Amino acid sequence: LIRTFTKQVDGVLLCSPRLSNRMIERLAEDVPFVVVNRRIKGMP
């Protein structure tokens, strides 16, 4: 879903994600994120 959204949105709100922090950081290189209920260093 994140990869599908990348070219269609200006950013993604990711709520209670199940992906690893490393994968979220990698995907955040392509689209801005705000994560809800997950602490990831350097990410809103």
All heavy atoms as atom14 arrays in JSON, in Angstrom:
{
  "sequence": "LIRTFTKQVDGVLLCSPRLSNRMIERLAEDVPFVVVNRRIKGMP",
  "atom14_mask": [
    [1, 1, 1, 1, 1, 1, 1, 1, 0, 0, 0, 0, 0, 0],
    [1, 1, 1, 1, 1, 1, 1, 1, 0, 0, 0, 0, 0, 0],
    [1, 1, 1, 1, 1, 1, 1, 1, 1, 1, 1, 0, 0, 0],
    [1, 1, 1, 1, 1, 1, 1, 0, 0, 0, 0, 0, 0, 0],
    [1, 1, 1, 1, 1, 1, 1, 1, 1, 1, 1, 0, 0, 0],
    [1, 1, 1, 1, 1, 1, 1, 0, 0, 0, 0, 0, 0, 0],
    [1, 1, 1, 1, 1, 1, 1, 1, 1, 0, 0, 0, 0, 0],
    [1, 1, 1, 1, 1, 1, 1, 1, 1, 0, 0, 0, 0, 0],
    [1, 1, 1, 1, 1, 1, 1, 0, 0, 0, 0, 0, 0, 0],
    [1, 1, 1, 1, 1, 1, 1, 1, 0, 0, 0, 0, 0, 0],
    [1, 1, 1, 1, 0, 0, 0, 0, 0, 0, 0, 0, 0, 0],
    [1, 1, 1, 1, 1, 1, 1, 0, 0, 0, 0, 0, 0, 0],
    [1, 1, 1, 1, 1, 1, 1, 1, 0, 0, 0, 0, 0, 0],
    [1, 1, 1, 1, 1, 1, 1, 1, 0, 0, 0, 0, 0, 0],
    [1, 1, 1, 1, 1, 1, 0, 0, 0, 0, 0, 0, 0, 0],
    [1, 1, 1, 1, 1, 1, 0, 0, 0, 0, 0, 0, 0, 0],
    [1, 1, 1, 1, 1, 1, 1, 0, 0, 0, 0, 0, 0, 0],
    [1, 1, 1, 1, 1, 1, 1, 1, 1, 1, 1, 0, 0, 0],
    [1, 1, 1, 1, 1, 1, 1, 1, 0, 0, 0, 0, 0, 0],
    [1, 1, 1, 1, 1, 1, 0, 0, 0, 0, 0, 0, 0, 0],
    [1, 1, 1, 1, 1, 1, 1, 1, 0, 0, 0, 0, 0, 0],
    [1, 1, 1, 1, 1, 1, 1, 1, 1, 1, 1, 0, 0, 0],
    [1, 1, 1, 1, 1, 1, 1, 1, 0, 0, 0, 0, 0, 0],
    [1, 1, 1, 1, 1, 1, 1, 1, 0, 0, 0, 0, 0, 0],
    [1, 1, 1, 1, 1, 1, 1, 1, 1, 0, 0, 0, 0, 0],
    [1, 1, 1, 1, 1, 1, 1, 1, 1, 1, 1, 0, 0, 0],
    [1, 1, 1, 1, 1, 1, 1, 1, 0, 0, 0, 0, 0, 0],
    [1, 1, 1, 1, 1, 0, 0, 0, 0, 0, 0, 0, 0, 0],
    [1, 1, 1, 1, 1, 1, 1, 1, 1, 0, 0, 0, 0, 0],
    [1, 1, 1, 1, 1, 1, 1, 1, 0, 0, 0, 0, 0, 0],
    [1, 1, 1, 1, 1, 1, 1, 0, 0, 0, 0, 0, 0, 0],
    [1, 1, 1, 1, 1, 1, 1, 0, 0, 0, 0, 0, 0, 0],
    [1, 1, 1, 1, 1, 1, 1, 1, 1, 1, 1, 0, 0, 0],
    [1, 1, 1, 1, 1, 1, 1, 0, 0, 0, 0, 0, 0, 0],
    [1, 1, 1, 1, 1, 1, 1, 0, 0, 0, 0, 0, 0, 0],
    [1, 1, 1, 1, 1, 1, 1, 0, 0, 0, 0, 0, 0, 0],
    [1, 1, 1, 1, 1, 1, 1, 1, 0, 0, 0, 0, 0, 0],
    [1, 1, 1, 1, 1, 1, 1, 1, 1, 1, 1, 0, 0, 0],
    [1, 1, 1, 1, 1, 1, 1, 1, 1, 1, 1, 0, 0, 0],
    [1, 1, 1, 1, 1, 1, 1, 1, 0, 0, 0, 0, 0, 0],
    [1, 1, 1, 1, 1, 1, 1, 1, 1, 0, 0, 0, 0, 0],
    [1, 1, 1, 1, 0, 0, 0, 0, 0, 0, 0, 0, 0, 0],
    [1, 1, 1, 1, 1, 1, 1, 1, 0, 0, 0, 0, 0, 0],
    [1, 1, 1, 1, 1, 1, 1, 0, 0, 0, 0, 0, 0, 0]
  ],
  "atom14_positions": [
    [[0.83, -1.21, 0.0], [0.0, 0.0, 0.0], [0.86, 1.26, 0.0], [0.58, 2.22, -0.72], [-0.92, 0.0, 1.22], [-2.1, -0.97, 1.16], [-2.77, -1.08, 2.52], [-3.11, -0.51, 0.11], [0.0, 0.0, 0.0], [0.0, 0.0, 0.0], [0.0, 0.0, 0.0], [0.0, 0.0, 0.0], [0.0, 0.0, 0.0], [0.0, 0.0, 0.0]],
    [[1.91, 1.25, 0.79], [2.79, 2.42, 0.83], [3.42, 2.66, -0.54], [3.45, 3.8, -1.03], [3.88, 2.24, 1.9], [3.27, 2.25, 3.3], [4.94, 3.34, 1.78], [4.21, 1.8, 4.39], [0.0, 0.0, 0.0], [0.0, 0.0, 0.0], [0.0, 0.0, 0.0], [0.0, 0.0, 0.0], [0.0, 0.0, 0.0], [0.0, 0.0, 0.0]],
    [[3.89, 1.59, -1.17], [4.51, 1.74, -2.5], [3.48, 2.22, -3.53], [3.81, 3.0, -4.43], [5.14, 0.42, -2.94], [6.34, 0.01, -2.07], [7.07, -1.17, -2.68], [8.14, -1.67, -1.81], [9.33, -1.09, -1.67], [9.61, -0.01, -2.38], [10.23, -1.61, -0.86], [0.0, 0.0, 0.0], [0.0, 0.0, 0.0], [0.0, 0.0, 0.0]],
    [[2.24, 1.77, -3.38], [1.17, 2.22, -4.3], [0.87, 3.7, -4.1], [0.64, 4.43, -5.07], [-0.1, 1.39, -4.05], [0.17, 0.01, -4.3], [-1.23, 1.85, -4.97], [0.0, 0.0, 0.0], [0.0, 0.0, 0.0], [0.0, 0.0, 0.0], [0.0, 0.0, 0.0], [0.0, 0.0, 0.0], [0.0, 0.0, 0.0], [0.0, 0.0, 0.0]],
    [[0.87, 4.13, -2.85], [0.55, 5.52, -2.54], [1.64, 6.5, -2.96], [1.37, 7.69, -3.19], [0.33, 5.7, -1.04], [-1.07, 5.39, -0.56], [-1.28, 4.95, 0.73], [-2.16, 5.57, -1.39], [-2.57, 4.68, 1.2], [-3.45, 5.3, -0.95], [-3.65, 4.86, 0.34], [0.0, 0.0, 0.0], [0.0, 0.0, 0.0], [0.0, 0.0, 0.0]],
    [[2.88, 6.03, -3.07], [4.04, 6.91, -3.18], [3.88, 8.02, -4.22], [4.19, 9.19, -3.96], [5.31, 6.09, -3.48], [5.57, 5.23, -2.37], [6.5, 6.98, -3.71], [0.0, 0.0, 0.0], [0.0, 0.0, 0.0], [0.0, 0.0, 0.0], [0.0, 0.0, 0.0], [0.0, 0.0, 0.0], [0.0, 0.0, 0.0], [0.0, 0.0, 0.0]],
    [[3.38, 7.69, -5.39], [3.27, 8.68, -6.47], [1.93, 9.41, -6.48], [1.72, 10.3, -7.29], [3.48, 8.0, -7.84], [4.81, 7.28, -7.98], [6.0, 8.23, -7.8], [7.32, 7.49, -8.0], [8.48, 8.38, -7.73], [0.0, 0.0, 0.0], [0.0, 0.0, 0.0], [0.0, 0.0, 0.0], [0.0, 0.0, 0.0], [0.0, 0.0, 0.0]],
    [[1.04, 9.03, -5.58], [-0.31, 9.59, -5.61], [-0.6, 10.56, -4.48], [-1.63, 11.23, -4.49], [-1.34, 8.45, -5.55], [-1.19, 7.42, -6.65], [-2.2, 6.31, -6.52], [-3.39, 6.55, -6.29], [-1.76, 5.07, -6.65], [0.0, 0.0, 0.0], [0.0, 0.0, 0.0], [0.0, 0.0, 0.0], [0.0, 0.0, 0.0], [0.0, 0.0, 0.0]],
    [[0.29, 10.64, -3.49], [0.03, 11.47, -2.32], [1.26, 12.29, -1.97], [2.37, 12.01, -2.42], [-0.38, 10.6, -1.1], [-1.64, 9.8, -1.4], [0.76, 9.67, -0.68], [0.0, 0.0, 0.0], [0.0, 0.0, 0.0], [0.0, 0.0, 0.0], [0.0, 0.0, 0.0], [0.0, 0.0, 0.0], [0.0, 0.0, 0.0], [0.0, 0.0, 0.0]],
    [[1.04, 13.31, -1.15], [2.14, 14.15, -0.67], [2.75, 13.6, 0.62], [3.8, 14.09, 1.05], [1.66, 15.58, -0.44], [1.17, 16.24, -1.72], [1.72, 15.91, -2.79], [0.25, 17.07, -1.65], [0.0, 0.0, 0.0], [0.0, 0.0, 0.0], [0.0, 0.0, 0.0], [0.0, 0.0, 0.0], [0.0, 0.0, 0.0], [0.0, 0.0, 0.0]],
    [[2.09, 12.65, 1.22], [2.6, 12.06, 2.46], [1.67, 10.98, 2.95], [0.53, 10.86, 2.48], [0.0, 0.0, 0.0], [0.0, 0.0, 0.0], [0.0, 0.0, 0.0], [0.0, 0.0, 0.0], [0.0, 0.0, 0.0], [0.0, 0.0, 0.0], [0.0, 0.0, 0.0], [0.0, 0.0, 0.0], [0.0, 0.0, 0.0], [0.0, 0.0, 0.0]],
    [[2.14, 10.2, 3.91], [1.38, 9.06, 4.43], [1.32, 9.14, 5.95], [2.34, 9.36, 6.61], [2.0, 7.72, 4.0], [1.3, 6.55, 4.69], [1.93, 7.55, 2.49], [0.0, 0.0, 0.0], [0.0, 0.0, 0.0], [0.0, 0.0, 0.0], [0.0, 0.0, 0.0], [0.0, 0.0, 0.0], [0.0, 0.0, 0.0], [0.0, 0.0, 0.0]],
    [[0.12, 8.95, 6.5], [-0.07, 8.75, 7.93], [-0.13, 7.25, 8.16], [-1.02, 6.57, 7.65], [-1.38, 9.4, 8.41], [-1.61, 10.86, 7.98], [-2.95, 11.34, 8.5], [-0.48, 11.75, 8.48], [0.0, 0.0, 0.0], [0.0, 0.0, 0.0], [0.0, 0.0, 0.0], [0.0, 0.0, 0.0], [0.0, 0.0, 0.0], [0.0, 0.0, 0.0]],
    [[0.81, 6.73, 8.92], [0.95, 5.3, 9.12], [0.57, 4.98, 10.56], [1.31, 5.3, 11.5], [2.39, 4.88, 8.83], [2.7, 3.41, 8.61], [1.84, 2.83, 7.51], [4.18, 3.24, 8.29], [0.0, 0.0, 0.0], [0.0, 0.0, 0.0], [0.0, 0.0, 0.0], [0.0, 0.0, 0.0], [0.0, 0.0, 0.0], [0.0, 0.0, 0.0]],
    [[-0.6, 4.36, 10.74], [-1.17, 4.17, 12.08], [-0.97, 2.73, 12.57], [-1.43, 1.79, 11.9], [-2.65, 4.51, 12.08], [-2.99, 6.19, 11.53], [0.0, 0.0, 0.0], [0.0, 0.0, 0.0], [0.0, 0.0, 0.0], [0.0, 0.0, 0.0], [0.0, 0.0, 0.0], [0.0, 0.0, 0.0], [0.0, 0.0, 0.0], [0.0, 0.0, 0.0]],
    [[-0.31, 2.59, 13.72], [-0.03, 1.27, 14.31], [0.58, 0.33, 13.28], [0.05, -0.75, 13.0], [-1.31, 0.67, 14.89], [-1.84, 1.49, 15.9], [0.0, 0.0, 0.0], [0.0, 0.0, 0.0], [0.0, 0.0, 0.0], [0.0, 0.0, 0.0], [0.0, 0.0, 0.0], [0.0, 0.0, 0.0], [0.0, 0.0, 0.0], [0.0, 0.0, 0.0]],
    [[1.71, 0.71, 12.69], [2.31, -0.11, 11.63], [2.83, -1.44, 12.16], [3.19, -1.57, 13.33], [3.46, 0.76, 11.12], [3.8, 1.65, 12.27], [2.51, 1.92, 12.97], [0.0, 0.0, 0.0], [0.0, 0.0, 0.0], [0.0, 0.0, 0.0], [0.0, 0.0, 0.0], [0.0, 0.0, 0.0], [0.0, 0.0, 0.0], [0.0, 0.0, 0.0]],
    [[2.87, -2.43, 11.26], [3.41, -3.75, 11.59], [4.75, -4.01, 10.92], [5.4, -5.0, 11.2], [2.4, -4.84, 11.19], [1.03, -4.69, 11.82], [1.08, -4.71, 13.32], [-0.23, -4.56, 13.93], [-0.48, -3.79, 14.98], [0.5, -3.08, 15.53], [-1.68, -3.72, 15.49], [0.0, 0.0, 0.0], [0.0, 0.0, 0.0], [0.0, 0.0, 0.0]],
    [[5.17, -3.12, 10.02], [6.47, -3.24, 9.39], [7.59, -2.97, 10.4], [7.38, -2.29, 11.41], [6.6, -2.26, 8.23], [5.83, -2.59, 6.95], [5.83, -1.39, 6.02], [6.44, -3.8, 6.25], [0.0, 0.0, 0.0], [0.0, 0.0, 0.0], [0.0, 0.0, 0.0], [0.0, 0.0, 0.0], [0.0, 0.0, 0.0], [0.0, 0.0, 0.0]],
    [[8.78, -3.43, 10.11], [9.94, -3.13, 10.95], [10.33, -1.67, 10.79], [10.03, -1.03, 9.76], [11.12, -4.02, 10.56], [11.59, -3.65, 9.27], [0.0, 0.0, 0.0], [0.0, 0.0, 0.0], [0.0, 0.0, 0.0], [0.0, 0.0, 0.0], [0.0, 0.0, 0.0], [0.0, 0.0, 0.0], [0.0, 0.0, 0.0], [0.0, 0.0, 0.0]],
    [[11.01, -1.12, 11.8], [11.5, 0.25, 11.72], [12.39, 0.44, 10.49], [12.32, 1.46, 9.8], [12.28, 0.62, 12.99], [11.38, 0.85, 14.18], [10.16, 0.66, 14.1], [11.97, 1.27, 15.28], [0.0, 0.0, 0.0], [0.0, 0.0, 0.0], [0.0, 0.0, 0.0], [0.0, 0.0, 0.0], [0.0, 0.0, 0.0], [0.0, 0.0, 0.0]],
    [[13.25, -0.55, 10.23], [14.18, -0.44, 9.1], [13.44, -0.32, 7.77], [13.8, 0.51, 6.92], [15.11, -1.66, 9.08], [16.13, -1.62, 7.95], [17.08, -2.79, 8.04], [17.89, -2.7, 9.26], [18.83, -3.6, 9.59], [19.06, -4.63, 8.79], [19.52, -3.45, 10.69], [0.0, 0.0, 0.0], [0.0, 0.0, 0.0], [0.0, 0.0, 0.0]],
    [[12.37, -1.11, 7.6], [11.62, -1.04, 6.35], [10.89, 0.29, 6.23], [10.83, 0.9, 5.15], [10.63, -2.2, 6.27], [9.77, -2.18, 5.0], [10.75, -2.15, 3.45], [11.34, -3.83, 3.41], [0.0, 0.0, 0.0], [0.0, 0.0, 0.0], [0.0, 0.0, 0.0], [0.0, 0.0, 0.0], [0.0, 0.0, 0.0], [0.0, 0.0, 0.0]],
    [[10.34, 0.78, 7.32], [9.64, 2.07, 7.29], [10.62, 3.18, 6.94], [10.32, 4.07, 6.13], [8.95, 2.35, 8.64], [7.8, 1.36, 8.86], [8.41, 3.78, 8.69], [7.17, 1.43, 10.23], [0.0, 0.0, 0.0], [0.0, 0.0, 0.0], [0.0, 0.0, 0.0], [0.0, 0.0, 0.0], [0.0, 0.0, 0.0], [0.0, 0.0, 0.0]],
    [[11.81, 3.14, 7.51], [12.83, 4.15, 7.19], [13.2, 4.09, 5.71], [13.4, 5.13, 5.07], [14.07, 3.91, 8.06], [13.86, 4.26, 9.52], [14.99, 3.76, 10.41], [15.77, 2.89, 9.96], [15.07, 4.23, 11.55], [0.0, 0.0, 0.0], [0.0, 0.0, 0.0], [0.0, 0.0, 0.0], [0.0, 0.0, 0.0], [0.0, 0.0, 0.0]],
    [[13.28, 2.9, 5.16], [13.62, 2.75, 3.75], [12.51, 3.33, 2.87], [12.76, 4.05, 1.9], [13.83, 1.27, 3.43], [14.38, 0.99, 2.03], [14.59, -0.5, 1.85], [15.5, -1.03, 2.87], [15.63, -2.32, 3.12], [14.91, -3.21, 2.46], [16.48, -2.72, 4.05], [0.0, 0.0, 0.0], [0.0, 0.0, 0.0], [0.0, 0.0, 0.0]],
    [[11.26, 3.03, 3.21], [10.13, 3.52, 2.42], [9.98, 5.03, 2.55], [9.5, 5.7, 1.62], [8.84, 2.83, 2.87], [8.76, 1.32, 2.57], [7.6, 0.68, 3.32], [8.61, 1.09, 1.07], [0.0, 0.0, 0.0], [0.0, 0.0, 0.0], [0.0, 0.0, 0.0], [0.0, 0.0, 0.0], [0.0, 0.0, 0.0], [0.0, 0.0, 0.0]],
    [[10.4, 5.58, 3.68], [10.29, 7.03, 3.91], [11.23, 7.83, 3.01], [11.11, 9.05, 2.92], [10.58, 7.35, 5.36], [0.0, 0.0, 0.0], [0.0, 0.0, 0.0], [0.0, 0.0, 0.0], [0.0, 0.0, 0.0], [0.0, 0.0, 0.0], [0.0, 0.0, 0.0], [0.0, 0.0, 0.0], [0.0, 0.0, 0.0], [0.0, 0.0, 0.0]],
    [[12.15, 7.14, 2.33], [13.01, 7.83, 1.36], [12.22, 8.28, 0.14], [12.65, 9.18, -0.59], [14.16, 6.92, 0.95], [15.11, 6.56, 2.08], [16.13, 5.51, 1.68], [16.11, 5.1, 0.5], [16.95, 5.11, 2.54], [0.0, 0.0, 0.0], [0.0, 0.0, 0.0], [0.0, 0.0, 0.0], [0.0, 0.0, 0.0], [0.0, 0.0, 0.0]],
    [[11.05, 7.65, -0.09], [10.26, 7.93, -1.29], [9.04, 8.81, -1.02], [8.51, 9.44, -1.94], [9.8, 6.62, -1.93], [10.96, 5.76, -2.37], [11.95, 6.32, -2.88], [10.88, 4.53, -2.21], [0.0, 0.0, 0.0], [0.0, 0.0, 0.0], [0.0, 0.0, 0.0], [0.0, 0.0, 0.0], [0.0, 0.0, 0.0], [0.0, 0.0, 0.0]],
    [[8.56, 8.82, 0.24], [7.37, 9.61, 0.56], [7.44, 9.98, 2.04], [7.86, 9.17, 2.87], [6.08, 8.8, 0.25], [5.97, 7.56, 1.1], [4.84, 9.68, 0.39], [0.0, 0.0, 0.0], [0.0, 0.0, 0.0], [0.0, 0.0, 0.0], [0.0, 0.0, 0.0], [0.0, 0.0, 0.0], [0.0, 0.0, 0.0], [0.0, 0.0, 0.0]],
    [[7.06, 11.23, 2.4], [7.08, 11.63, 3.82], [6.08, 10.83, 4.64], [4.99, 10.51, 4.18], [6.69, 13.12, 3.78], [6.98, 13.56, 2.38], [6.71, 12.37, 1.51], [0.0, 0.0, 0.0], [0.0, 0.0, 0.0], [0.0, 0.0, 0.0], [0.0, 0.0, 0.0], [0.0, 0.0, 0.0], [0.0, 0.0, 0.0], [0.0, 0.0, 0.0]],
    [[6.47, 10.52, 5.86], [5.61, 9.79, 6.79], [5.37, 10.6, 8.05], [6.24, 11.35, 8.5], [6.29, 8.48, 7.26], [6.2, 7.34, 6.32], [7.29, 6.52, 6.09], [5.02, 7.04, 5.65], [7.23, 5.45, 5.23], [4.95, 5.97, 4.79], [6.05, 5.18, 4.58], [0.0, 0.0, 0.0], [0.0, 0.0, 0.0], [0.0, 0.0, 0.0]],
    [[4.2, 10.39, 8.66], [4.01, 10.62, 10.08], [3.51, 9.3, 10.64], [2.57, 8.71, 10.11], [3.0, 11.75, 10.38], [2.64, 11.75, 11.87], [3.57, 13.09, 9.97], [0.0, 0.0, 0.0], [0.0, 0.0, 0.0], [0.0, 0.0, 0.0], [0.0, 0.0, 0.0], [0.0, 0.0, 0.0], [0.0, 0.0, 0.0], [0.0, 0.0, 0.0]],
    [[4.17, 8.81, 11.68], [3.82, 7.52, 12.25], [3.01, 7.75, 13.52], [3.36, 8.57, 14.36], [5.09, 6.7, 12.57], [4.72, 5.31, 13.06], [5.97, 6.6, 11.33], [0.0, 0.0, 0.0], [0.0, 0.0, 0.0], [0.0, 0.0, 0.0], [0.0, 0.0, 0.0], [0.0, 0.0, 0.0], [0.0, 0.0, 0.0], [0.0, 0.0, 0.0]],
    [[1.91, 7.02, 13.63], [1.06, 7.1, 14.83], [1.28, 5.83, 15.65], [1.09, 4.72, 15.17], [-0.43, 7.25, 14.46], [-1.3, 7.29, 15.72], [-0.65, 8.52, 13.63], [0.0, 0.0, 0.0], [0.0, 0.0, 0.0], [0.0, 0.0, 0.0], [0.0, 0.0, 0.0], [0.0, 0.0, 0.0], [0.0, 0.0, 0.0], [0.0, 0.0, 0.0]],
    [[1.68, 6.04, 16.9], [1.94, 4.94, 17.85], [3.09, 4.04, 17.41], [2.99, 2.81, 17.45], [0.68, 4.12, 18.13], [0.09, 4.54, 19.48], [0.45, 5.58, 20.03], [-0.78, 3.72, 20.02], [0.0, 0.0, 0.0], [0.0, 0.0, 0.0], [0.0, 0.0, 0.0], [0.0, 0.0, 0.0], [0.0, 0.0, 0.0], [0.0, 0.0, 0.0]],
    [[4.18, 4.66, 17.05], [5.46, 3.98, 16.84], [6.55, 5.05, 16.92], [6.45, 6.08, 16.23], [5.51, 3.28, 15.49], [6.88, 2.69, 15.14], [7.19, 1.39, 15.84], [6.41, 0.3, 15.29], [6.77, -0.41, 14.2], [7.89, -0.15, 13.57], [5.99, -1.39, 13.78], [0.0, 0.0, 0.0], [0.0, 0.0, 0.0], [0.0, 0.0, 0.0]],
    [[7.55, 4.81, 17.72], [8.66, 5.76, 17.8], [9.8, 5.27, 16.9], [10.33, 4.18, 17.1], [9.15, 5.87, 19.25], [10.16, 7.01, 19.47], [10.77, 6.91, 20.85], [9.78, 7.04, 21.9], [9.36, 8.19, 22.4], [9.84, 9.32, 21.93], [8.46, 8.21, 23.37], [0.0, 0.0, 0.0], [0.0, 0.0, 0.0], [0.0, 0.0, 0.0]],
    [[10.13, 6.09, 15.9], [11.24, 5.78, 14.99], [12.14, 7.0, 14.94], [11.69, 8.1, 14.61], [10.73, 5.42, 13.58], [9.77, 4.23, 13.64], [11.9, 5.12, 12.65], [9.14, 3.87, 12.31], [0.0, 0.0, 0.0], [0.0, 0.0, 0.0], [0.0, 0.0, 0.0], [0.0, 0.0, 0.0], [0.0, 0.0, 0.0], [0.0, 0.0, 0.0]],
    [[13.39, 6.82, 15.28], [14.32, 7.94, 15.39], [14.34, 8.77, 14.12], [14.5, 8.25, 13.01], [15.72, 7.42, 15.7], [16.73, 8.52, 15.99], [18.08, 7.95, 16.38], [19.08, 9.07, 16.67], [20.41, 8.51, 17.04], [0.0, 0.0, 0.0], [0.0, 0.0, 0.0], [0.0, 0.0, 0.0], [0.0, 0.0, 0.0], [0.0, 0.0, 0.0]],
    [[14.17, 10.09, 14.29], [14.24, 11.02, 13.17], [12.98, 11.14, 12.35], [12.95, 11.89, 11.38], [0.0, 0.0, 0.0], [0.0, 0.0, 0.0], [0.0, 0.0, 0.0], [0.0, 0.0, 0.0], [0.0, 0.0, 0.0], [0.0, 0.0, 0.0], [0.0, 0.0, 0.0], [0.0, 0.0, 0.0], [0.0, 0.0, 0.0], [0.0, 0.0, 0.0]],
    [[11.92, 10.42, 12.71], [10.67, 10.44, 11.93], [9.55, 11.09, 12.74], [9.39, 10.79, 13.92], [10.28, 9.02, 11.53], [9.16, 8.96, 10.5], [8.95, 7.27, 9.85], [10.53, 7.06, 9.01], [0.0, 0.0, 0.0], [0.0, 0.0, 0.0], [0.0, 0.0, 0.0], [0.0, 0.0, 0.0], [0.0, 0.0, 0.0], [0.0, 0.0, 0.0]],
    [[8.78, 12.01, 12.13], [7.67, 12.63, 12.85], [6.7, 11.57, 13.37], [6.39, 10.6, 12.66], [7.0, 13.51, 11.8], [8.03, 13.73, 10.75], [8.88, 12.5, 10.74], [0.0, 0.0, 0.0], [0.0, 0.0, 0.0], [0.0, 0.0, 0.0], [0.0, 0.0, 0.0], [0.0, 0.0, 0.0], [0.0, 0.0, 0.0], [0.0, 0.0, 0.0]]
  ]
}
